[in-house]
Amino acid sequence: MPLRLDATAADFPARFAALVADVRAGGADVAADVAAIIARVRAEGDAAVADLTRRYDHVDLDEIGWEIEAPALDAALDGLPADLRAALDLAARRIRDFHDRQKPASNDAVDALGVRTGVRWGPVDAAGLYVPGGRAAYPSSVLMNAIPAVVAGVETLVVVTPTPGGTPNPLVLAAARLAGVDRVFRIGGAQAIAALAFGTARIPKVDVITGPGNAWVAEAKRLLYGTVGIDMVAGPSEVVILSDGRNDPAWLAAALLAPAEHAPVPQSTLHPPRAAAAEAVITAVEAQLATLSTATVARASWDRYGAIILVPALADAVPLLNTLAAEHAQLMIEDPEPIFARLRHAGSVFLGRHTPEAVGDYLAGPNHVLPTGRRARFASGLSVVDFMKRTTFLDCSAQGLAAIGPAGALLADTEGLPAHAASIRLRL
């Protein structure tokens, strides 16, 4: 059963602190294994990737083919049922429209002293997109990762996705073609991240890697940050829900189980105003678990990491929500705006009773690749900017340097850097 806390209880601060500090992990520490895989791929290139793919995915890349060619992508897209194709088209269109609004503008200005300054934004040359293929395959992840890169103007997009047994998911291939992906390779795991970071004879080297994955993928991204840009080190999913006690318990139950059915380690937290409301939701959760095909996984997550936190008033939940800094925050209340205005830390916020997290997962527009593990305190969801760089520039006229140069030279003298000072004074 889920953890139950009462914000008015004397022991609440200690118990809540323990909840916040609880590290949800999908297995034993994998750092040493991932470091070894990265070292192998760097030293051996394609040979290491082929061997590791044979070992973990039971796929002989040399026999079945490393790359899934364009005709297969076209066939997957053309073979979709009409209603599913329409749904993917709608999702792609909405995601593209939302991310078009994120594209930053360059600027260029000359100030009153004659000094020109500005910022020029431009895309990275190549991006690698990781698409999971283990417990489930997610075409939505393809759209959410590829479309911001396309909007940014990235020229080369490379998808890597594991295909256990050798058969790729046709929905993933269809989404890749729809999103504008150039190339798709049937590799996954830490070896795929390393191959993209270093480049091999077959796998292009990229500048940025994005996309969710298991613990090995997350650790590989963490270790390779700096060699290549990464979006974030993502962990198990999480949701916090604030309810005013006037929601249908079935709606709340479904919202709590949505992240739980991904894996045994997501965290679903509900903040209701009364114990009776909490009991009604728990009953609804049990009823829905009895009907879900994903019940075994969802129950493991709900029983181990679920939490019910009673709060005397909606405003009392705000500090708790900010401390939890969850991936998803659902404000299922009559007027969410006052709470939203005070909610500083969340990956994405879902306002009102009619905005389930799942609609954001698929097609509402905002990106579903979001910070987890309390990282929303300092990190943001995937965006167009993750596939771009900004370059500042400076152009001093003689007049401009005459105006600001003496002060710059003085500061250089103060810092004990005479060559810096001379590079300015010689021009004056």
Protein backbone atom coordinates (compact mmCIF):
# COMPACT_ATOMS: atom_id res chain seq x y z
CA MET A 1 0.00 0.00 0.00
CA PRO A 2 1.17 3.57 -0.56
CA LEU A 3 2.86 5.64 2.12
CA ARG A 4 0.41 7.84 4.06
CA LEU A 5 1.46 11.13 5.59
CA ASP A 6 -0.43 13.90 7.37
CA ALA A 7 1.07 17.37 7.05
CA THR A 8 -0.32 18.30 10.47
CA ALA A 9 1.33 15.39 12.31
CA ALA A 10 4.31 16.00 14.61
CA ASP A 11 6.48 13.50 12.78
CA PHE A 12 5.61 14.85 9.33
CA PRO A 13 8.82 16.87 8.69
CA ALA A 14 11.03 13.84 9.29
CA ARG A 15 8.84 11.46 7.29
CA PHE A 16 8.50 13.90 4.39
CA ALA A 17 12.26 14.48 4.34
CA ALA A 18 12.75 10.71 4.10
CA LEU A 19 10.32 10.57 1.16
CA VAL A 20 12.20 13.34 -0.64
CA ALA A 21 15.56 11.70 -0.01
CA ASP A 22 14.47 8.23 -1.13
CA VAL A 23 16.57 7.23 -4.14
CA ARG A 24 14.53 5.24 -6.60
CA ALA A 25 16.75 2.96 -8.62
CA GLY A 26 16.02 0.33 -11.19
CA GLY A 27 18.77 -2.04 -10.11
CA ALA A 28 22.28 -2.37 -8.78
CA ASP A 29 24.93 0.22 -9.43
CA VAL A 30 25.90 0.05 -13.09
CA ALA A 31 28.70 2.62 -13.21
CA ALA A 32 31.55 0.12 -13.49
CA ASP A 33 29.81 -1.92 -16.19
CA VAL A 34 28.97 1.18 -18.23
CA ALA A 35 32.51 2.56 -17.92
CA ALA A 36 33.84 -0.75 -19.28
CA ILE A 37 31.41 -0.66 -22.20
CA ILE A 38 32.39 2.90 -23.06
CA ALA A 39 36.09 2.01 -22.96
CA ARG A 40 35.50 -0.97 -25.26
CA VAL A 41 33.56 1.06 -27.81
CA ARG A 42 36.18 3.80 -27.80
CA ALA A 43 38.99 1.30 -28.34
CA GLU A 44 37.31 -1.24 -30.62
CA GLY A 45 34.59 0.73 -32.39
CA ASP A 46 32.15 -1.32 -34.45
CA ALA A 47 33.56 -4.63 -33.23
CA ALA A 48 32.60 -3.80 -29.65
CA VAL A 49 29.16 -2.52 -30.68
CA ALA A 50 28.48 -5.69 -32.66
CA ASP A 51 29.62 -7.98 -29.85
CA LEU A 52 27.61 -6.15 -27.18
CA THR A 53 24.50 -6.06 -29.36
CA ARG A 54 24.83 -9.79 -29.98
CA ARG A 55 25.17 -10.39 -26.24
CA TYR A 56 22.38 -8.16 -24.95
CA ASP A 57 19.86 -7.99 -27.81
CA HIS A 58 20.61 -11.35 -29.47
CA VAL A 59 21.05 -9.59 -32.80
CA ASP A 60 23.85 -10.23 -35.30
CA LEU A 61 24.25 -6.81 -36.88
CA ASP A 62 26.52 -8.04 -39.65
CA GLU A 63 23.92 -10.60 -40.65
CA ILE A 64 20.70 -8.62 -40.25
CA GLY A 65 22.06 -5.16 -41.04
CA TRP A 66 23.22 -2.28 -38.89
CA GLU A 67 21.00 0.37 -40.39
CA ILE A 68 17.29 0.33 -41.07
CA GLU A 69 17.13 1.78 -44.56
CA ALA A 70 14.81 4.52 -45.81
CA PRO A 71 12.46 2.17 -47.73
CA ALA A 72 11.64 0.40 -44.46
CA LEU A 73 10.84 3.74 -42.82
CA ASP A 74 8.61 4.71 -45.73
CA ALA A 75 6.84 1.34 -45.65
CA ALA A 76 6.20 1.65 -41.91
CA LEU A 77 4.64 5.09 -42.33
CA ASP A 78 2.59 4.10 -45.37
CA GLY A 79 1.38 0.94 -43.63
CA LEU A 80 -0.20 2.67 -40.64
CA PRO A 81 -3.95 2.38 -40.20
CA ALA A 82 -5.63 5.62 -41.22
CA ASP A 83 -6.74 6.58 -37.71
CA LEU A 84 -3.28 5.97 -36.23
CA ARG A 85 -1.63 7.92 -39.04
CA ALA A 86 -4.01 10.80 -38.36
CA ALA A 87 -3.17 10.68 -34.65
CA LEU A 88 0.58 10.76 -35.33
CA ASP A 89 0.12 13.58 -37.84
CA LEU A 90 -1.84 15.58 -35.27
CA ALA A 91 0.81 14.95 -32.62
CA ALA A 92 3.66 15.92 -34.96
CA ARG A 93 1.87 19.10 -36.04
CA ARG A 94 1.13 20.23 -32.48
CA ILE A 95 4.63 19.41 -31.23
CA ARG A 96 6.16 21.31 -34.15
CA ASP A 97 3.91 24.33 -33.62
CA PHE A 98 4.80 24.50 -29.92
CA HIS A 99 8.53 24.18 -30.52
CA ASP A 100 8.50 26.72 -33.35
CA ARG A 101 7.64 29.29 -30.67
CA GLN A 102 10.74 28.32 -28.67
CA LYS A 103 13.30 29.13 -31.34
CA PRO A 104 15.48 31.95 -29.98
CA ALA A 105 16.16 35.10 -31.97
CA SER A 106 19.63 36.42 -32.71
CA ASN A 107 20.30 40.08 -31.93
CA ASP A 108 22.73 42.70 -33.14
CA ALA A 109 23.01 46.28 -31.81
CA VAL A 110 25.40 49.24 -31.74
CA ASP A 111 25.30 51.26 -28.54
CA ALA A 112 25.78 54.99 -28.04
CA LEU A 113 29.56 54.57 -27.72
CA GLY A 114 29.86 52.86 -31.10
CA VAL A 115 30.38 49.34 -29.73
CA ARG A 116 28.56 46.59 -31.58
CA THR A 117 27.46 43.53 -29.59
CA GLY A 118 25.13 40.66 -30.26
CA VAL A 119 24.22 37.02 -30.11
CA ARG A 120 24.00 34.63 -33.04
CA TRP A 121 22.08 31.37 -32.56
CA GLY A 122 22.75 28.34 -34.72
CA PRO A 123 22.10 24.59 -34.65
CA VAL A 124 24.58 21.85 -33.86
CA ASP A 125 25.67 19.87 -36.91
CA ALA A 126 24.44 16.43 -35.82
CA ALA A 127 22.18 15.03 -33.10
CA GLY A 128 21.74 11.49 -31.84
CA LEU A 129 18.32 10.45 -30.58
CA TYR A 130 17.95 7.45 -28.29
CA VAL A 131 14.62 5.61 -28.52
CA PRO A 132 13.98 2.84 -25.97
CA GLY A 133 13.08 -0.58 -27.25
CA GLY A 134 13.05 -2.80 -24.18
CA ARG A 135 9.98 -2.87 -21.92
CA ALA A 136 8.07 -0.86 -24.51
CA ALA A 137 8.70 1.17 -27.64
CA TYR A 138 7.49 4.75 -27.80
CA PRO A 139 6.84 6.53 -31.12
CA SER A 140 5.92 9.57 -29.02
CA SER A 141 9.55 9.74 -27.84
CA VAL A 142 10.71 9.87 -31.45
CA LEU A 143 8.49 12.87 -32.17
CA MET A 144 9.40 14.64 -28.92
CA ASN A 145 13.14 14.29 -29.54
CA ALA A 146 13.37 14.66 -33.30
CA ILE A 147 10.98 17.52 -33.97
CA PRO A 148 12.78 20.09 -31.74
CA ALA A 149 16.01 19.15 -33.51
CA VAL A 150 14.39 19.68 -36.92
CA VAL A 151 12.97 23.03 -35.79
CA ALA A 152 16.44 24.02 -34.57
CA GLY A 153 17.82 23.31 -38.05
CA VAL A 154 20.03 20.29 -37.26
CA GLU A 155 21.21 18.83 -40.56
CA THR A 156 21.94 15.25 -39.48
CA LEU A 157 19.62 13.27 -37.20
CA VAL A 158 20.58 9.75 -36.16
CA VAL A 159 18.22 7.49 -34.22
CA VAL A 160 19.54 4.51 -32.28
CA THR A 161 17.01 2.00 -30.98
CA PRO A 162 17.50 -1.53 -29.69
CA THR A 163 15.63 -4.24 -31.58
CA PRO A 164 15.71 -7.34 -29.37
CA GLY A 165 15.41 -10.33 -31.66
CA GLY A 166 16.10 -8.14 -34.68
CA THR A 167 12.59 -6.82 -35.37
CA PRO A 168 12.15 -3.04 -35.08
CA ASN A 169 8.91 -1.53 -33.87
CA PRO A 170 7.06 -0.26 -36.98
CA LEU A 171 5.52 2.63 -35.05
CA VAL A 172 8.98 3.87 -34.11
CA LEU A 173 10.08 3.69 -37.75
CA ALA A 174 6.94 5.48 -38.90
CA ALA A 175 7.41 8.25 -36.35
CA ALA A 176 11.06 8.62 -37.36
CA ARG A 177 10.11 9.11 -41.00
CA LEU A 178 7.29 11.49 -40.08
CA ALA A 179 9.61 13.58 -37.89
CA GLY A 180 12.29 13.91 -40.57
CA VAL A 181 14.97 11.56 -39.22
CA ASP A 182 17.85 10.80 -41.59
CA ARG A 183 19.18 7.48 -40.32
CA VAL A 184 18.10 4.73 -37.90
CA PHE A 185 20.46 2.13 -36.42
CA ARG A 186 19.34 -1.03 -34.62
CA ILE A 187 21.60 -0.62 -31.60
CA GLY A 188 20.83 0.33 -28.03
CA GLY A 189 22.18 0.45 -24.50
CA ALA A 190 25.33 2.13 -23.27
CA GLN A 191 27.17 0.94 -26.39
CA ALA A 192 24.84 3.00 -28.60
CA ILE A 193 25.46 6.15 -26.55
CA ALA A 194 29.23 5.58 -26.72
CA ALA A 195 29.11 4.94 -30.48
CA LEU A 196 27.28 8.23 -31.05
CA ALA A 197 29.66 10.11 -28.76
CA PHE A 198 32.89 8.85 -30.34
CA GLY A 199 31.73 7.87 -33.79
CA THR A 200 32.70 4.56 -35.40
CA ALA A 201 33.27 3.41 -38.96
CA ARG A 202 29.51 2.87 -39.28
CA ILE A 203 27.91 5.16 -36.68
CA PRO A 204 28.21 8.93 -37.23
CA LYS A 205 29.70 11.05 -34.46
CA VAL A 206 27.17 13.54 -33.14
CA ASP A 207 27.32 16.73 -31.12
CA VAL A 208 24.28 16.20 -28.87
CA ILE A 209 22.53 13.07 -27.59
CA THR A 210 18.97 13.18 -26.28
CA GLY A 211 16.30 10.70 -25.32
CA PRO A 212 15.28 8.49 -22.39
CA GLY A 213 16.65 5.06 -21.60
CA ASN A 214 17.33 2.57 -18.84
CA ALA A 215 19.90 2.89 -16.06
CA TRP A 216 22.76 1.87 -18.38
CA VAL A 217 21.79 4.51 -20.94
CA ALA A 218 21.44 7.20 -18.27
CA GLU A 219 24.84 6.33 -16.78
CA ALA A 220 26.49 6.36 -20.21
CA LYS A 221 25.08 9.83 -20.85
CA ARG A 222 26.35 11.00 -17.49
CA LEU A 223 29.86 9.65 -18.07
CA LEU A 224 30.08 10.99 -21.63
CA TYR A 225 28.85 14.49 -20.89
CA GLY A 226 31.60 16.81 -22.06
CA THR A 227 32.66 14.47 -24.84
CA VAL A 228 29.20 15.11 -26.26
CA GLY A 229 26.32 17.30 -25.22
CA ILE A 230 23.40 15.59 -23.48
CA ASP A 231 19.88 16.68 -22.68
CA MET A 232 19.73 15.34 -19.12
CA VAL A 233 20.31 12.28 -16.96
CA ALA A 234 16.74 11.08 -16.60
CA GLY A 235 15.50 8.70 -13.96
CA PRO A 236 12.19 7.04 -13.10
CA SER A 237 9.04 8.97 -13.89
CA GLU A 238 7.08 10.84 -11.21
CA VAL A 239 3.88 12.79 -10.75
CA VAL A 240 2.45 14.90 -7.92
CA ILE A 241 -1.26 15.66 -7.95
CA LEU A 242 -2.99 18.38 -5.95
CA SER A 243 -6.72 17.71 -5.51
CA ASP A 244 -9.34 19.90 -3.89
CA GLY A 245 -11.53 16.94 -2.97
CA ARG A 246 -14.04 17.56 -5.76
CA ASN A 247 -12.53 15.26 -8.39
CA ASP A 248 -13.91 11.93 -9.51
CA PRO A 249 -11.73 9.39 -7.63
CA ALA A 250 -11.45 7.36 -10.84
CA TRP A 251 -9.81 10.32 -12.60
CA LEU A 252 -7.28 10.67 -9.80
CA ALA A 253 -6.62 6.94 -9.72
CA ALA A 254 -5.90 6.82 -13.44
CA ALA A 255 -3.59 9.83 -13.17
CA LEU A 256 -1.64 8.12 -10.38
CA LEU A 257 -1.34 4.85 -12.27
CA ALA A 258 -0.24 6.43 -15.56
CA PRO A 259 3.42 6.87 -14.56
CA ALA A 260 3.33 3.74 -12.40
CA GLU A 261 2.71 1.45 -15.36
CA HIS A 262 6.02 2.40 -16.97
CA ALA A 263 8.20 0.48 -14.51
CA PRO A 264 8.33 -0.62 -10.85
CA VAL A 265 10.12 2.55 -9.74
CA PRO A 266 8.10 5.67 -10.74
CA GLN A 267 6.63 7.73 -7.90
CA SER A 268 3.00 8.87 -7.76
CA THR A 269 2.05 11.30 -5.00
CA LEU A 270 -1.42 12.65 -4.20
CA HIS A 271 -2.16 15.69 -2.00
CA PRO A 272 -5.85 15.48 -1.03
CA PRO A 273 -7.58 17.65 1.61
CA ARG A 274 -9.32 14.91 3.60
CA ALA A 275 -8.72 11.33 4.65
CA ALA A 276 -12.08 10.25 3.22
CA ALA A 277 -11.10 11.60 -0.20
CA ALA A 278 -7.82 9.70 0.00
CA GLU A 279 -9.59 6.44 0.83
CA ALA A 280 -11.91 6.87 -2.14
CA VAL A 281 -8.92 7.28 -4.45
CA ILE A 282 -7.13 4.25 -2.98
CA THR A 283 -10.27 2.18 -3.58
CA ALA A 284 -10.43 3.45 -7.18
CA VAL A 285 -6.77 2.57 -7.70
CA GLU A 286 -7.43 -1.00 -6.59
CA ALA A 287 -10.41 -1.26 -8.91
CA GLN A 288 -8.40 -0.05 -11.90
CA LEU A 289 -5.43 -2.27 -11.10
CA ALA A 290 -7.76 -5.25 -11.43
CA THR A 291 -8.38 -4.33 -15.07
CA LEU A 292 -4.95 -3.14 -16.29
CA SER A 293 -2.75 -5.33 -18.47
CA THR A 294 0.16 -3.48 -16.83
CA ALA A 295 -1.11 -4.22 -13.31
CA THR A 296 1.95 -6.14 -12.08
CA VAL A 297 4.33 -3.29 -12.86
CA ALA A 298 1.91 -0.57 -11.81
CA ARG A 299 1.17 -2.24 -8.47
CA ALA A 300 4.86 -2.64 -7.69
CA SER A 301 5.38 1.09 -8.24
CA TRP A 302 2.24 2.14 -6.36
CA ASP A 303 2.84 -0.10 -3.36
CA ARG A 304 6.53 0.77 -3.01
CA TYR A 305 6.70 4.41 -4.05
CA GLY A 306 3.15 5.76 -4.01
CA ALA A 307 2.33 8.37 -1.38
CA ILE A 308 -0.78 10.10 -0.01
CA ILE A 309 -0.03 13.37 1.78
CA LEU A 310 -2.98 14.99 3.54
CA VAL A 311 -2.84 18.79 3.55
CA PRO A 312 -5.24 21.01 5.53
CA ALA A 313 -5.49 23.60 2.72
CA LEU A 314 -4.40 23.86 -0.92
CA ALA A 315 -1.89 26.61 -0.12
CA ASP A 316 -0.19 24.33 2.40
CA ALA A 317 0.76 21.96 -0.42
CA VAL A 318 2.81 24.52 -2.35
CA PRO A 319 6.03 24.22 -0.29
CA LEU A 320 5.72 20.43 -0.52
CA LEU A 321 5.29 20.54 -4.30
CA ASN A 322 8.29 22.83 -4.64
CA THR A 323 10.40 20.51 -2.50
CA LEU A 324 9.36 17.44 -4.46
CA ALA A 325 10.19 19.29 -7.73
CA ALA A 326 8.45 16.57 -9.68
CA GLU A 327 8.66 15.73 -13.35
CA HIS A 328 4.89 16.22 -13.68
CA ALA A 329 2.64 18.35 -11.43
CA GLN A 330 -1.11 18.12 -11.92
CA LEU A 331 -3.19 20.87 -10.30
CA MET A 332 -6.62 19.23 -10.40
CA ILE A 333 -8.40 22.09 -8.66
CA GLU A 334 -11.09 24.61 -9.57
CA ASP A 335 -8.78 27.61 -9.95
CA PRO A 336 -5.19 26.46 -10.46
CA GLU A 337 -3.71 29.86 -11.35
CA PRO A 338 -2.90 31.10 -7.80
CA ILE A 339 -1.13 27.82 -6.98
CA PHE A 340 0.58 27.77 -10.39
CA ALA A 341 1.93 31.26 -9.75
CA ARG A 342 3.68 29.99 -6.61
CA LEU A 343 4.85 26.68 -8.06
CA ARG A 344 8.51 27.27 -8.89
CA HIS A 345 9.84 23.74 -9.37
CA ALA A 346 8.24 21.24 -11.74
CA GLY A 347 9.22 19.79 -15.09
CA SER A 348 5.79 20.44 -16.59
CA VAL A 349 2.54 21.61 -15.00
CA PHE A 350 -0.94 20.42 -15.98
CA LEU A 351 -3.66 22.90 -15.06
CA GLY A 352 -7.22 22.02 -14.13
CA ARG A 353 -9.34 18.89 -14.01
CA HIS A 354 -9.40 18.26 -17.76
CA THR A 355 -5.64 18.20 -18.40
CA PRO A 356 -4.29 14.69 -17.80
CA GLU A 357 -0.57 14.17 -17.97
CA ALA A 358 -1.08 11.63 -20.76
CA VAL A 359 -2.30 14.27 -23.21
CA GLY A 360 1.02 16.03 -22.66
CA ASP A 361 2.89 12.77 -23.12
CA TYR A 362 1.58 12.40 -26.64
CA LEU A 363 0.33 15.39 -28.53
CA ALA A 364 -0.56 18.56 -26.62
CA GLY A 365 2.66 20.26 -27.70
CA PRO A 366 5.06 20.75 -24.76
CA ASN A 367 7.90 18.26 -24.63
CA HIS A 368 7.55 15.13 -22.52
CA VAL A 369 11.32 14.71 -21.99
CA LEU A 370 11.50 16.26 -18.52
CA PRO A 371 13.83 16.40 -15.50
CA THR A 372 13.25 13.76 -12.83
CA GLY A 373 14.68 12.97 -9.41
CA ARG A 374 14.05 16.50 -8.01
CA ARG A 375 16.19 17.97 -10.83
CA ALA A 376 13.37 20.33 -11.81
CA ARG A 377 14.89 22.60 -9.14
CA PHE A 378 17.60 23.52 -11.65
CA ALA A 379 16.81 21.81 -14.97
CA SER A 380 14.20 22.14 -17.70
CA GLY A 381 12.54 19.88 -20.23
CA LEU A 382 13.94 19.21 -23.68
CA SER A 383 13.58 22.15 -26.05
CA VAL A 384 14.79 23.58 -29.33
CA VAL A 385 17.60 25.32 -27.45
CA ASP A 386 19.12 21.94 -26.53
CA PHE A 387 19.98 21.53 -30.21
CA MET A 388 21.40 25.02 -30.63
CA LYS A 389 24.40 27.08 -29.56
CA ARG A 390 24.65 30.79 -29.04
CA THR A 391 27.75 32.67 -30.14
CA THR A 392 28.27 36.18 -28.83
CA PHE A 393 30.15 38.72 -30.91
CA LEU A 394 31.78 42.10 -30.33
CA ASP A 395 32.88 44.78 -32.79
CA CYS A 396 34.58 47.92 -31.41
CA SER A 397 34.97 50.93 -33.62
CA ALA A 398 37.96 53.18 -32.92
CA GLN A 399 35.55 55.52 -31.18
CA GLY A 400 34.09 52.69 -29.13
CA LEU A 401 37.46 51.36 -28.00
CA ALA A 402 38.57 54.87 -27.09
CA ALA A 403 35.51 55.15 -24.87
CA ILE A 404 35.73 51.86 -22.98
CA GLY A 405 39.35 50.78 -23.50
CA PRO A 406 41.04 52.82 -20.72
CA ALA A 407 38.75 51.28 -18.09
CA GLY A 408 39.45 47.80 -19.49
CA ALA A 409 43.20 48.38 -19.37
CA LEU A 410 42.95 49.59 -15.77
CA LEU A 411 41.06 46.45 -14.78
CA ALA A 412 43.72 44.32 -16.49
CA ASP A 413 46.44 46.16 -14.53
CA THR A 414 44.52 45.56 -11.32
CA GLU A 415 44.37 41.83 -12.04
CA GLY A 416 48.10 41.72 -12.74
CA LEU A 417 47.77 40.87 -16.44
CA PRO A 418 49.99 43.34 -18.32
CA ALA A 419 49.63 41.69 -21.73
CA HIS A 420 45.89 42.11 -21.50
CA ALA A 421 46.35 45.79 -20.68
CA ALA A 422 48.87 46.27 -23.49
CA SER A 423 46.55 44.66 -26.07
CA ILE A 424 44.11 47.46 -25.31
CA ARG A 425 46.47 50.43 -24.86
CA LEU A 426 48.42 49.75 -28.05
CA ARG A 427 45.21 50.36 -29.98
CA LEU A 428 44.26 53.58 -28.26
